[in-house]
Amino acid sequence: HRWNERSWEVRQFLARNQHSFRSFMADEPKGRQLLDAAGLDGYALPVVITEQGHTLVEPSDAELAAMLGLSTTPRLEMYELAVIGGGPAGLAAAVYGASEGLKTVLIEEATT
């Protein structure tokens, strides 16, 4: 729903992770059609329906990340360089460290 905070957060999550999406309000004809096709009443929002027909109701960030194939756990047990913050300086430091052969991890405030 337009005023549902979690719906806004889901849209932000998808945009931040560069995943294209279309958003429909539950009370609009297209939104109602999609909910009906998924067998949902629209009382629990947000609802994410993938192109493959998978449905997530009130998804967590971890569920969204899994849907997108994003990693939510460290790939290595130990890193040689941890960069905090994904701004311009943080990205530059992470790229430089990795280019020097360091096992590098970039940590951002957002969950994914």
PDB file of N, CA and C in Angstrom:
ATOM      1  N   HIS A   1       0.836  -1.175   0.000  1.00  0.00           N
ATOM      2  CA  HIS A   1       0.000   0.000   0.000  1.00  0.00           C
ATOM      3  C   HIS A   1       0.877   1.233   0.000  1.00  0.00           C
ATOM      4  N   ARG A   2       0.376   2.261  -0.549  1.00  0.00           N
ATOM      5  CA  ARG A   2       1.102   3.515  -0.722  1.00  0.00           C
ATOM      6  C   ARG A   2       1.654   4.057   0.590  1.00  0.00           C
ATOM      7  N   TRP A   3       0.960   3.888   1.699  1.00  0.00           N
ATOM      8  CA  TRP A   3       1.393   4.463   2.974  1.00  0.00           C
ATOM      9  C   TRP A   3       1.992   3.416   3.905  1.00  0.00           C
ATOM     10  N   ASN A   4       2.165   2.214   3.435  1.00  0.00           N
ATOM     11  CA  ASN A   4       2.760   1.150   4.236  1.00  0.00           C
ATOM     12  C   ASN A   4       4.278   1.323   4.230  1.00  0.00           C
ATOM     13  N   GLU A   5       4.859   1.544   5.420  1.00  0.00           N
ATOM     14  CA  GLU A   5       6.298   1.799   5.513  1.00  0.00           C
ATOM     15  C   GLU A   5       7.119   0.644   4.945  1.00  0.00           C
ATOM     16  N   ARG A   6       6.721  -0.575   5.243  1.00  0.00           N
ATOM     17  CA  ARG A   6       7.485  -1.723   4.756  1.00  0.00           C
ATOM     18  C   ARG A   6       7.425  -1.817   3.232  1.00  0.00           C
ATOM     19  N   SER A   7       6.315  -1.432   2.627  1.00  0.00           N
ATOM     20  CA  SER A   7       6.234  -1.422   1.162  1.00  0.00           C
ATOM     21  C   SER A   7       7.277  -0.474   0.588  1.00  0.00           C
ATOM     22  N   TRP A   8       7.418   0.689   1.208  1.00  0.00           N
ATOM     23  CA  TRP A   8       8.438   1.651   0.778  1.00  0.00           C
ATOM     24  C   TRP A   8       9.834   1.055   0.944  1.00  0.00           C
ATOM     25  N   GLU A   9      10.078   0.398   2.074  1.00  0.00           N
ATOM     26  CA  GLU A   9      11.386  -0.216   2.325  1.00  0.00           C
ATOM     27  C   GLU A   9      11.705  -1.292   1.286  1.00  0.00           C
ATOM     28  N   VAL A  10      10.716  -2.086   0.907  1.00  0.00           N
ATOM     29  CA  VAL A  10      10.928  -3.131  -0.102  1.00  0.00           C
ATOM     30  C   VAL A  10      11.287  -2.493  -1.441  1.00  0.00           C
ATOM     31  N   ARG A  11      10.575  -1.441  -1.826  1.00  0.00           N
ATOM     32  CA  ARG A  11      10.895  -0.755  -3.084  1.00  0.00           C
ATOM     33  C   ARG A  11      12.308  -0.184  -3.035  1.00  0.00           C
ATOM     34  N   GLN A  12      12.692   0.391  -1.905  1.00  0.00           N
ATOM     35  CA  GLN A  12      14.045   0.934  -1.750  1.00  0.00           C
ATOM     36  C   GLN A  12      15.087  -0.180  -1.841  1.00  0.00           C
ATOM     37  N   PHE A  13      14.816  -1.310  -1.211  1.00  0.00           N
ATOM     38  CA  PHE A  13      15.728  -2.455  -1.243  1.00  0.00           C
ATOM     39  C   PHE A  13      15.953  -2.915  -2.677  1.00  0.00           C
ATOM     40  N   LEU A  14      14.871  -3.077  -3.422  1.00  0.00           N
ATOM     41  CA  LEU A  14      14.978  -3.538  -4.807  1.00  0.00           C
ATOM     42  C   LEU A  14      15.740  -2.528  -5.660  1.00  0.00           C
ATOM     43  N   ALA A  15      15.443  -1.242  -5.483  1.00  0.00           N
ATOM     44  CA  ALA A  15      16.135  -0.206  -6.254  1.00  0.00           C
ATOM     45  C   ALA A  15      17.613  -0.144  -5.887  1.00  0.00           C
ATOM     46  N   ARG A  16      17.920  -0.207  -4.594  1.00  0.00           N
ATOM     47  CA  ARG A  16      19.310  -0.134  -4.123  1.00  0.00           C
ATOM     48  C   ARG A  16      20.143  -1.287  -4.676  1.00  0.00           C
ATOM     49  N   ASN A  17      19.503  -2.424  -4.871  1.00  0.00           N
ATOM     50  CA  ASN A  17      20.207  -3.593  -5.399  1.00  0.00           C
ATOM     51  C   ASN A  17      20.046  -3.724  -6.913  1.00  0.00           C
ATOM     52  N   GLN A  18      19.610  -2.638  -7.546  1.00  0.00           N
ATOM     53  CA  GLN A  18      19.499  -2.532  -8.999  1.00  0.00           C
ATOM     54  C   GLN A  18      18.657  -3.645  -9.606  1.00  0.00           C
ATOM     55  N   HIS A  19      17.557  -3.942  -8.952  1.00  0.00           N
ATOM     56  CA  HIS A  19      16.624  -4.957  -9.450  1.00  0.00           C
ATOM     57  C   HIS A  19      15.389  -4.226  -9.973  1.00  0.00           C
ATOM     58  N   SER A  20      15.110  -4.366 -11.250  1.00  0.00           N
ATOM     59  CA  SER A  20      13.959  -3.670 -11.820  1.00  0.00           C
ATOM     60  C   SER A  20      12.665  -4.276 -11.274  1.00  0.00           C
ATOM     61  N   PHE A  21      11.682  -3.422 -11.095  1.00  0.00           N
ATOM     62  CA  PHE A  21      10.394  -3.865 -10.559  1.00  0.00           C
ATOM     63  C   PHE A  21       9.318  -2.878 -10.976  1.00  0.00           C
ATOM     64  N   ARG A  22       8.087  -3.332 -10.856  1.00  0.00           N
ATOM     65  CA  ARG A  22       6.929  -2.454 -11.019  1.00  0.00           C
ATOM     66  C   ARG A  22       6.108  -2.569  -9.754  1.00  0.00           C
ATOM     67  N   SER A  23       5.570  -1.457  -9.329  1.00  0.00           N
ATOM     68  CA  SER A  23       4.814  -1.423  -8.080  1.00  0.00           C
ATOM     69  C   SER A  23       3.355  -1.088  -8.379  1.00  0.00           C
ATOM     70  N   PHE A  24       2.464  -1.861  -7.776  1.00  0.00           N
ATOM     71  CA  PHE A  24       1.033  -1.624  -7.925  1.00  0.00           C
ATOM     72  C   PHE A  24       0.414  -1.532  -6.542  1.00  0.00           C
ATOM     73  N   MET A  25      -0.518  -0.635  -6.374  1.00  0.00           N
ATOM     74  CA  MET A  25      -1.233  -0.512  -5.110  1.00  0.00           C
ATOM     75  C   MET A  25      -2.304  -1.605  -5.038  1.00  0.00           C
ATOM     76  N   ALA A  26      -2.506  -2.135  -3.843  1.00  0.00           N
ATOM     77  CA  ALA A  26      -3.451  -3.240  -3.654  1.00  0.00           C
ATOM     78  C   ALA A  26      -4.881  -2.842  -4.001  1.00  0.00           C
ATOM     79  N   ASP A  27      -5.187  -1.551  -3.891  1.00  0.00           N
ATOM     80  CA  ASP A  27      -6.559  -1.113  -4.151  1.00  0.00           C
ATOM     81  C   ASP A  27      -6.764  -0.630  -5.593  1.00  0.00           C
ATOM     82  N   GLU A  28      -5.754  -0.786  -6.442  1.00  0.00           N
ATOM     83  CA  GLU A  28      -5.888  -0.441  -7.855  1.00  0.00           C
ATOM     84  C   GLU A  28      -6.227  -1.709  -8.648  1.00  0.00           C
ATOM     85  N   PRO A  29      -6.853  -1.579  -9.809  1.00  0.00           N
ATOM     86  CA  PRO A  29      -7.262  -2.763 -10.574  1.00  0.00           C
ATOM     87  C   PRO A  29      -6.130  -3.760 -10.846  1.00  0.00           C
ATOM     88  N   LYS A  30      -4.966  -3.298 -11.298  1.00  0.00           N
ATOM     89  CA  LYS A  30      -3.867  -4.223 -11.608  1.00  0.00           C
ATOM     90  C   LYS A  30      -3.356  -4.895 -10.336  1.00  0.00           C
ATOM     91  N   GLY A  31      -3.259  -4.141  -9.246  1.00  0.00           N
ATOM     92  CA  GLY A  31      -2.838  -4.722  -7.972  1.00  0.00           C
ATOM     93  C   GLY A  31      -3.817  -5.776  -7.496  1.00  0.00           C
ATOM     94  N   ARG A  32      -5.099  -5.477  -7.584  1.00  0.00           N
ATOM     95  CA  ARG A  32      -6.143  -6.425  -7.176  1.00  0.00           C
ATOM     96  C   ARG A  32      -6.084  -7.683  -8.036  1.00  0.00           C
ATOM     97  N   GLN A  33      -5.867  -7.516  -9.347  1.00  0.00           N
ATOM     98  CA  GLN A  33      -5.779  -8.653 -10.268  1.00  0.00           C
ATOM     99  C   GLN A  33      -4.617  -9.568  -9.882  1.00  0.00           C
ATOM    100  N   LEU A  34      -3.462  -8.987  -9.581  1.00  0.00           N
ATOM    101  CA  LEU A  34      -2.294  -9.786  -9.202  1.00  0.00           C
ATOM    102  C   LEU A  34      -2.522 -10.508  -7.874  1.00  0.00           C
ATOM    103  N   LEU A  35      -3.122  -9.814  -6.914  1.00  0.00           N
ATOM    104  CA  LEU A  35      -3.414 -10.446  -5.621  1.00  0.00           C
ATOM    105  C   LEU A  35      -4.398 -11.601  -5.791  1.00  0.00           C
ATOM    106  N   ASP A  36      -5.445 -11.382  -6.575  1.00  0.00           N
ATOM    107  CA  ASP A  36      -6.429 -12.445  -6.819  1.00  0.00           C
ATOM    108  C   ASP A  36      -5.773 -13.660  -7.471  1.00  0.00           C
ATOM    109  N   ALA A  37      -4.909 -13.415  -8.456  1.00  0.00           N
ATOM    110  CA  ALA A  37      -4.230 -14.513  -9.153  1.00  0.00           C
ATOM    111  C   ALA A  37      -3.327 -15.299  -8.209  1.00  0.00           C
ATOM    112  N   ALA A  38      -2.786 -14.611  -7.188  1.00  0.00           N
ATOM    113  CA  ALA A  38      -1.917 -15.281  -6.214  1.00  0.00           C
ATOM    114  C   ALA A  38      -2.713 -15.880  -5.060  1.00  0.00           C
ATOM    115  N   GLY A  39      -4.033 -15.682  -5.070  1.00  0.00           N
ATOM    116  CA  GLY A  39      -4.873 -16.219  -4.002  1.00  0.00           C
ATOM    117  C   GLY A  39      -4.729 -15.466  -2.693  1.00  0.00           C
ATOM    118  N   LEU A  40      -4.453 -14.169  -2.772  1.00  0.00           N
ATOM    119  CA  LEU A  40      -4.245 -13.359  -1.568  1.00  0.00           C
ATOM    120  C   LEU A  40      -5.339 -12.316  -1.435  1.00  0.00           C
ATOM    121  N   ASP A  41      -5.647 -11.955  -0.184  1.00  0.00           N
ATOM    122  CA  ASP A  41      -6.697 -10.969   0.051  1.00  0.00           C
ATOM    123  C   ASP A  41      -6.175  -9.536   0.121  1.00  0.00           C
ATOM    124  N   GLY A  42      -4.866  -9.355   0.241  1.00  0.00           N
ATOM    125  CA  GLY A  42      -4.293  -8.016   0.274  1.00  0.00           C
ATOM    126  C   GLY A  42      -4.253  -7.373   1.636  1.00  0.00           C
ATOM    127  N   TYR A  43      -4.626  -8.106   2.683  1.00  0.00           N
ATOM    128  CA  TYR A  43      -4.580  -7.533   4.029  1.00  0.00           C
ATOM    129  C   TYR A  43      -3.167  -7.532   4.590  1.00  0.00           C
ATOM    130  N   ALA A  44      -2.352  -8.504   4.205  1.00  0.00           N
ATOM    131  CA  ALA A  44      -0.954  -8.556   4.628  1.00  0.00           C
ATOM    132  C   ALA A  44      -0.111  -7.970   3.497  1.00  0.00           C
ATOM    133  N   LEU A  45       0.487  -6.820   3.766  1.00  0.00           N
ATOM    134  CA  LEU A  45       1.299  -6.138   2.766  1.00  0.00           C
ATOM    135  C   LEU A  45       2.670  -5.827   3.341  1.00  0.00           C
ATOM    136  N   PRO A  46       3.675  -5.727   2.515  1.00  0.00           N
ATOM    137  CA  PRO A  46       3.662  -5.803   1.062  1.00  0.00           C
ATOM    138  C   PRO A  46       3.692  -7.240   0.561  1.00  0.00           C
ATOM    139  N   VAL A  47       3.370  -7.380  -0.705  1.00  0.00           N
ATOM    140  CA  VAL A  47       3.444  -8.666  -1.391  1.00  0.00           C
ATOM    141  C   VAL A  47       4.394  -8.492  -2.570  1.00  0.00           C
ATOM    142  N   VAL A  48       5.324  -9.417  -2.721  1.00  0.00           N
ATOM    143  CA  VAL A  48       6.243  -9.412  -3.858  1.00  0.00           C
ATOM    144  C   VAL A  48       5.930 -10.649  -4.691  1.00  0.00           C
ATOM    145  N   ILE A  49       5.645 -10.432  -5.961  1.00  0.00           N
ATOM    146  CA  ILE A  49       5.363 -11.529  -6.885  1.00  0.00           C
ATOM    147  C   ILE A  49       6.412 -11.458  -7.990  1.00  0.00           C
ATOM    148  N   THR A  50       7.183 -12.525  -8.143  1.00  0.00           N
ATOM    149  CA  THR A  50       8.248 -12.529  -9.147  1.00  0.00           C
ATOM    150  C   THR A  50       7.696 -12.898 -10.517  1.00  0.00           C
ATOM    151  N   GLU A  51       8.509 -12.670 -11.537  1.00  0.00           N
ATOM    152  CA  GLU A  51       8.114 -13.048 -12.895  1.00  0.00           C
ATOM    153  C   GLU A  51       7.909 -14.549 -13.015  1.00  0.00           C
ATOM    154  N   GLN A  52       8.593 -15.323 -12.158  1.00  0.00           N
ATOM    155  CA  GLN A  52       8.455 -16.780 -12.169  1.00  0.00           C
ATOM    156  C   GLN A  52       7.229 -17.240 -11.381  1.00  0.00           C
ATOM    157  N   GLY A  53       6.504 -16.297 -10.764  1.00  0.00           N
ATOM    158  CA  GLY A  53       5.303 -16.636 -10.025  1.00  0.00           C
ATOM    159  C   GLY A  53       5.507 -16.920  -8.552  1.00  0.00           C
ATOM    160  N   HIS A  54       6.731 -16.750  -8.038  1.00  0.00           N
ATOM    161  CA  HIS A  54       6.965 -16.928  -6.603  1.00  0.00           C
ATOM    162  C   HIS A  54       6.391 -15.732  -5.856  1.00  0.00           C
ATOM    163  N   THR A  55       5.787 -15.997  -4.713  1.00  0.00           N
ATOM    164  CA  THR A  55       5.144 -14.948  -3.936  1.00  0.00           C
ATOM    165  C   THR A  55       5.751 -14.867  -2.547  1.00  0.00           C
ATOM    166  N   LEU A  56       6.081 -13.652  -2.136  1.00  0.00           N
ATOM    167  CA  LEU A  56       6.558 -13.382  -0.776  1.00  0.00           C
ATOM    168  C   LEU A  56       5.590 -12.400  -0.136  1.00  0.00           C
ATOM    169  N   VAL A  57       5.082 -12.739   1.039  1.00  0.00           N
ATOM    170  CA  VAL A  57       4.173 -11.864   1.771  1.00  0.00           C
ATOM    171  C   VAL A  57       4.917 -11.315   2.980  1.00  0.00           C
ATOM    172  N   GLU A  58       4.916  -9.999   3.120  1.00  0.00           N
ATOM    173  CA  GLU A  58       5.645  -9.308   4.189  1.00  0.00           C
ATOM    174  C   GLU A  58       7.085  -9.838   4.291  1.00  0.00           C
ATOM    175  N   PRO A  59       7.829  -9.803   3.180  1.00  0.00           N
ATOM    176  CA  PRO A  59       9.161 -10.407   3.176  1.00  0.00           C
ATOM    177  C   PRO A  59      10.170  -9.623   4.008  1.00  0.00           C
ATOM    178  N   SER A  60      11.081 -10.352   4.614  1.00  0.00           N
ATOM    179  CA  SER A  60      12.207  -9.729   5.314  1.00  0.00           C
ATOM    180  C   SER A  60      13.265  -9.373   4.272  1.00  0.00           C
ATOM    181  N   ASP A  61      14.240  -8.565   4.677  1.00  0.00           N
ATOM    182  CA  ASP A  61      15.341  -8.257   3.765  1.00  0.00           C
ATOM    183  C   ASP A  61      16.092  -9.527   3.381  1.00  0.00           C
ATOM    184  N   ALA A  62      16.234 -10.452   4.320  1.00  0.00           N
ATOM    185  CA  ALA A  62      16.931 -11.711   4.033  1.00  0.00           C
ATOM    186  C   ALA A  62      16.174 -12.514   2.972  1.00  0.00           C
ATOM    187  N   GLU A  63      14.849 -12.540   3.049  1.00  0.00           N
ATOM    188  CA  GLU A  63      14.053 -13.257   2.046  1.00  0.00           C
ATOM    189  C   GLU A  63      14.178 -12.591   0.677  1.00  0.00           C
ATOM    190  N   LEU A  64      14.165 -11.254   0.668  1.00  0.00           N
ATOM    191  CA  LEU A  64      14.337 -10.541  -0.598  1.00  0.00           C
ATOM    192  C   LEU A  64      15.718 -10.809  -1.186  1.00  0.00           C
ATOM    193  N   ALA A  65      16.734 -10.784  -0.328  1.00  0.00           N
ATOM    194  CA  ALA A  65      18.101 -11.046  -0.788  1.00  0.00           C
ATOM    195  C   ALA A  65      18.204 -12.446  -1.388  1.00  0.00           C
ATOM    196  N   ALA A  66      17.604 -13.424  -0.737  1.00  0.00           N
ATOM    197  CA  ALA A  66      17.630 -14.796  -1.256  1.00  0.00           C
ATOM    198  C   ALA A  66      16.928 -14.865  -2.608  1.00  0.00           C
ATOM    199  N   MET A  67      15.808 -14.152  -2.735  1.00  0.00           N
ATOM    200  CA  MET A  67      15.067 -14.129  -3.989  1.00  0.00           C
ATOM    201  C   MET A  67      15.931 -13.567  -5.116  1.00  0.00           C
ATOM    202  N   LEU A  68      16.759 -12.563  -4.795  1.00  0.00           N
ATOM    203  CA  LEU A  68      17.615 -11.928  -5.798  1.00  0.00           C
ATOM    204  C   LEU A  68      18.936 -12.655  -6.000  1.00  0.00           C
ATOM    205  N   GLY A  69      19.194 -13.657  -5.160  1.00  0.00           N
ATOM    206  CA  GLY A  69      20.462 -14.373  -5.255  1.00  0.00           C
ATOM    207  C   GLY A  69      21.626 -13.615  -4.647  1.00  0.00           C
ATOM    208  N   LEU A  70      21.340 -12.717  -3.700  1.00  0.00           N
ATOM    209  CA  LEU A  70      22.390 -11.941  -3.043  1.00  0.00           C
ATOM    210  C   LEU A  70      22.955 -12.705  -1.862  1.00  0.00           C
ATOM    211  N   SER A  71      24.218 -12.530  -1.613  1.00  0.00           N
ATOM    212  CA  SER A  71      24.878 -13.170  -0.475  1.00  0.00           C
ATOM    213  C   SER A  71      24.618 -12.356   0.788  1.00  0.00           C
ATOM    214  N   THR A  72      24.207 -13.012   1.851  1.00  0.00           N
ATOM    215  CA  THR A  72      23.972 -12.326   3.126  1.00  0.00           C
ATOM    216  C   THR A  72      24.922 -12.801   4.213  1.00  0.00           C
ATOM    217  N   THR A  73      25.799 -13.714   3.874  1.00  0.00           N
ATOM    218  CA  THR A  73      26.784 -14.208   4.838  1.00  0.00           C
ATOM    219  C   THR A  73      28.175 -14.052   4.235  1.00  0.00           C
ATOM    220  N   PRO A  74      29.180 -13.862   5.081  1.00  0.00           N
ATOM    221  CA  PRO A  74      30.546 -13.718   4.563  1.00  0.00           C
ATOM    222  C   PRO A  74      30.972 -14.961   3.790  1.00  0.00           C
ATOM    223  N   ARG A  75      31.701 -14.745   2.716  1.00  0.00           N
ATOM    224  CA  ARG A  75      32.186 -15.873   1.916  1.00  0.00           C
ATOM    225  C   ARG A  75      33.428 -16.499   2.527  1.00  0.00           C
ATOM    226  N   LEU A  76      34.190 -15.694   3.262  1.00  0.00           N
ATOM    227  CA  LEU A  76      35.419 -16.179   3.878  1.00  0.00           C
ATOM    228  C   LEU A  76      35.307 -16.087   5.393  1.00  0.00           C
ATOM    229  N   GLU A  77      36.107 -16.877   6.082  1.00  0.00           N
ATOM    230  CA  GLU A  77      36.128 -16.817   7.541  1.00  0.00           C
ATOM    231  C   GLU A  77      36.935 -15.616   8.023  1.00  0.00           C
ATOM    232  N   MET A  78      37.975 -15.236   7.266  1.00  0.00           N
ATOM    233  CA  MET A  78      38.861 -14.150   7.664  1.00  0.00           C
ATOM    234  C   MET A  78      39.158 -13.258   6.458  1.00  0.00           C
ATOM    235  N   TYR A  79      39.136 -11.947   6.674  1.00  0.00           N
ATOM    236  CA  TYR A  79      39.488 -10.978   5.638  1.00  0.00           C
ATOM    237  C   TYR A  79      40.719 -10.202   6.082  1.00  0.00           C
ATOM    238  N   GLU A  80      41.512  -9.753   5.106  1.00  0.00           N
ATOM    239  CA  GLU A  80      42.706  -8.973   5.414  1.00  0.00           C
ATOM    240  C   GLU A  80      42.400  -7.484   5.481  1.00  0.00           C
ATOM    241  N   LEU A  81      41.342  -7.051   4.817  1.00  0.00           N
ATOM    242  CA  LEU A  81      40.955  -5.642   4.806  1.00  0.00           C
ATOM    243  C   LEU A  81      39.445  -5.539   4.919  1.00  0.00           C
ATOM    244  N   ALA A  82      38.987  -4.804   5.915  1.00  0.00           N
ATOM    245  CA  ALA A  82      37.562  -4.519   6.064  1.00  0.00           C
ATOM    246  C   ALA A  82      37.375  -3.020   5.877  1.00  0.00           C
ATOM    247  N   VAL A  83      36.555  -2.641   4.913  1.00  0.00           N
ATOM    248  CA  VAL A  83      36.278  -1.239   4.637  1.00  0.00           C
ATOM    249  C   VAL A  83      34.861  -0.959   5.115  1.00  0.00           C
ATOM    250  N   ILE A  84      34.728   0.045   5.976  1.00  0.00           N
ATOM    251  CA  ILE A  84      33.419   0.409   6.517  1.00  0.00           C
ATOM    252  C   ILE A  84      32.887   1.602   5.726  1.00  0.00           C
ATOM    253  N   GLY A  85      31.762   1.418   5.067  1.00  0.00           N
ATOM    254  CA  GLY A  85      31.130   2.497   4.310  1.00  0.00           C
ATOM    255  C   GLY A  85      31.356   2.351   2.820  1.00  0.00           C
ATOM    256  N   GLY A  86      30.263   2.427   2.073  1.00  0.00           N
ATOM    257  CA  GLY A  86      30.327   2.241   0.627  1.00  0.00           C
ATOM    258  C   GLY A  86      30.253   3.528  -0.160  1.00  0.00           C
ATOM    259  N   GLY A  87      30.657   4.645   0.463  1.00  0.00           N
ATOM    260  CA  GLY A  87      30.716   5.907  -0.271  1.00  0.00           C
ATOM    261  C   GLY A  87      31.892   5.904  -1.235  1.00  0.00           C
ATOM    262  N   PRO A  88      32.143   7.039  -1.886  1.00  0.00           N
ATOM    263  CA  PRO A  88      33.238   7.101  -2.862  1.00  0.00           C
ATOM    264  C   PRO A  88      34.593   6.678  -2.295  1.00  0.00           C
ATOM    265  N   ALA A  89      34.943   7.155  -1.110  1.00  0.00           N
ATOM    266  CA  ALA A  89      36.237   6.797  -0.520  1.00  0.00           C
ATOM    267  C   ALA A  89      36.277   5.317  -0.139  1.00  0.00           C
ATOM    268  N   GLY A  90      35.173   4.812   0.419  1.00  0.00           N
ATOM    269  CA  GLY A  90      35.121   3.404   0.802  1.00  0.00           C
ATOM    270  C   GLY A  90      35.230   2.481  -0.397  1.00  0.00           C
ATOM    271  N   LEU A  91      34.503   2.817  -1.461  1.00  0.00           N
ATOM    272  CA  LEU A  91      34.586   2.001  -2.675  1.00  0.00           C
ATOM    273  C   LEU A  91      35.995   2.031  -3.258  1.00  0.00           C
ATOM    274  N   ALA A  92      36.607   3.215  -3.268  1.00  0.00           N
ATOM    275  CA  ALA A  92      37.972   3.327  -3.795  1.00  0.00           C
ATOM    276  C   ALA A  92      38.937   2.484  -2.970  1.00  0.00           C
ATOM    277  N   ALA A  93      38.802   2.545  -1.647  1.00  0.00           N
ATOM    278  CA  ALA A  93      39.687   1.764  -0.773  1.00  0.00           C
ATOM    279  C   ALA A  93      39.492   0.269  -0.995  1.00  0.00           C
ATOM    280  N   ALA A  94      38.239  -0.156  -1.137  1.00  0.00           N
ATOM    281  CA  ALA A  94      37.964  -1.579  -1.340  1.00  0.00           C
ATOM    282  C   ALA A  94      38.522  -2.061  -2.678  1.00  0.00           C
ATOM    283  N   VAL A  95      38.328  -1.277  -3.721  1.00  0.00           N
ATOM    284  CA  VAL A  95      38.846  -1.655  -5.042  1.00  0.00           C
ATOM    285  C   VAL A  95      40.368  -1.708  -5.010  1.00  0.00           C
ATOM    286  N   TYR A  96      40.994  -0.713  -4.387  1.00  0.00           N
ATOM    287  CA  TYR A  96      42.453  -0.689  -4.321  1.00  0.00           C
ATOM    288  C   TYR A  96      42.973  -1.896  -3.539  1.00  0.00           C
ATOM    289  N   GLY A  97      42.377  -2.166  -2.383  1.00  0.00           N
ATOM    290  CA  GLY A  97      42.809  -3.313  -1.583  1.00  0.00           C
ATOM    291  C   GLY A  97      42.680  -4.619  -2.342  1.00  0.00           C
ATOM    292  N   ALA A  98      41.548  -4.798  -3.009  1.00  0.00           N
ATOM    293  CA  ALA A  98      41.333  -6.027  -3.774  1.00  0.00           C
ATOM    294  C   ALA A  98      42.309  -6.119  -4.946  1.00  0.00           C
ATOM    295  N   SER A  99      42.599  -4.972  -5.579  1.00  0.00           N
ATOM    296  CA  SER A  99      43.533  -4.997  -6.714  1.00  0.00           C
ATOM    297  C   SER A  99      44.956  -5.335  -6.273  1.00  0.00           C
ATOM    298  N   GLU A 100      45.249  -5.112  -4.996  1.00  0.00           N
ATOM    299  CA  GLU A 100      46.558  -5.466  -4.444  1.00  0.00           C
ATOM    300  C   GLU A 100      46.597  -6.909  -3.951  1.00  0.00           C
ATOM    301  N   GLY A 101      45.486  -7.618  -4.139  1.00  0.00           N
ATOM    302  CA  GLY A 101      45.450  -9.024  -3.770  1.00  0.00           C
ATOM    303  C   GLY A 101      44.989  -9.294  -2.349  1.00  0.00           C
ATOM    304  N   LEU A 102      44.512  -8.256  -1.655  1.00  0.00           N
ATOM    305  CA  LEU A 102      44.027  -8.459  -0.286  1.00  0.00           C
ATOM    306  C   LEU A 102      42.618  -9.050  -0.308  1.00  0.00           C
ATOM    307  N   LYS A 103      42.341  -9.931   0.632  1.00  0.00           N
ATOM    308  CA  LYS A 103      40.984 -10.454   0.810  1.00  0.00           C
ATOM    309  C   LYS A 103      40.195  -9.327   1.463  1.00  0.00           C
ATOM    310  N   THR A 104      39.275  -8.730   0.696  1.00  0.00           N
ATOM    311  CA  THR A 104      38.623  -7.485   1.085  1.00  0.00           C
ATOM    312  C   THR A 104      37.125  -7.681   1.244  1.00  0.00           C
ATOM    313  N   VAL A 105      36.576  -7.034   2.273  1.00  0.00           N
ATOM    314  CA  VAL A 105      35.132  -7.010   2.467  1.00  0.00           C
ATOM    315  C   VAL A 105      34.708  -5.557   2.649  1.00  0.00           C
ATOM    316  N   LEU A 106      33.586  -5.195   2.034  1.00  0.00           N
ATOM    317  CA  LEU A 106      33.015  -3.860   2.150  1.00  0.00           C
ATOM    318  C   LEU A 106      31.751  -3.971   2.987  1.00  0.00           C
ATOM    319  N   ILE A 107      31.683  -3.203   4.066  1.00  0.00           N
ATOM    320  CA  ILE A 107      30.552  -3.279   4.991  1.00  0.00           C
ATOM    321  C   ILE A 107      29.782  -1.970   4.917  1.00  0.00           C
ATOM    322  N   GLU A 108      28.474  -2.075   4.658  1.00  0.00           N
ATOM    323  CA  GLU A 108      27.616  -0.897   4.586  1.00  0.00           C
ATOM    324  C   GLU A 108      26.579  -0.949   5.692  1.00  0.00           C
ATOM    325  N   GLU A 109      25.987   0.199   5.966  1.00  0.00           N
ATOM    326  CA  GLU A 109      24.955   0.279   6.993  1.00  0.00           C
ATOM    327  C   GLU A 109      23.719  -0.525   6.609  1.00  0.00           C
ATOM    328  N   ALA A 110      23.326  -0.443   5.340  1.00  0.00           N
ATOM    329  CA  ALA A 110      22.159  -1.185   4.878  1.00  0.00           C
ATOM    330  C   ALA A 110      22.440  -2.676   4.957  1.00  0.00           C
ATOM    331  N   THR A 111      21.381  -3.459   5.157  1.00  0.00           N
ATOM    332  CA  THR A 111      21.562  -4.898   5.316  1.00  0.00           C
ATOM    333  C   THR A 111      22.056  -5.560   4.047  1.00  0.00           C
ATOM    334  N   THR A 112      21.625  -5.080   2.892  1.00  0.00           N
ATOM    335  CA  THR A 112      22.133  -5.586   1.614  1.00  0.00           C
ATOM    336  C   THR A 112      22.034  -4.493   0.601  1.00  0.00           C
TER     337      THR A 112
END
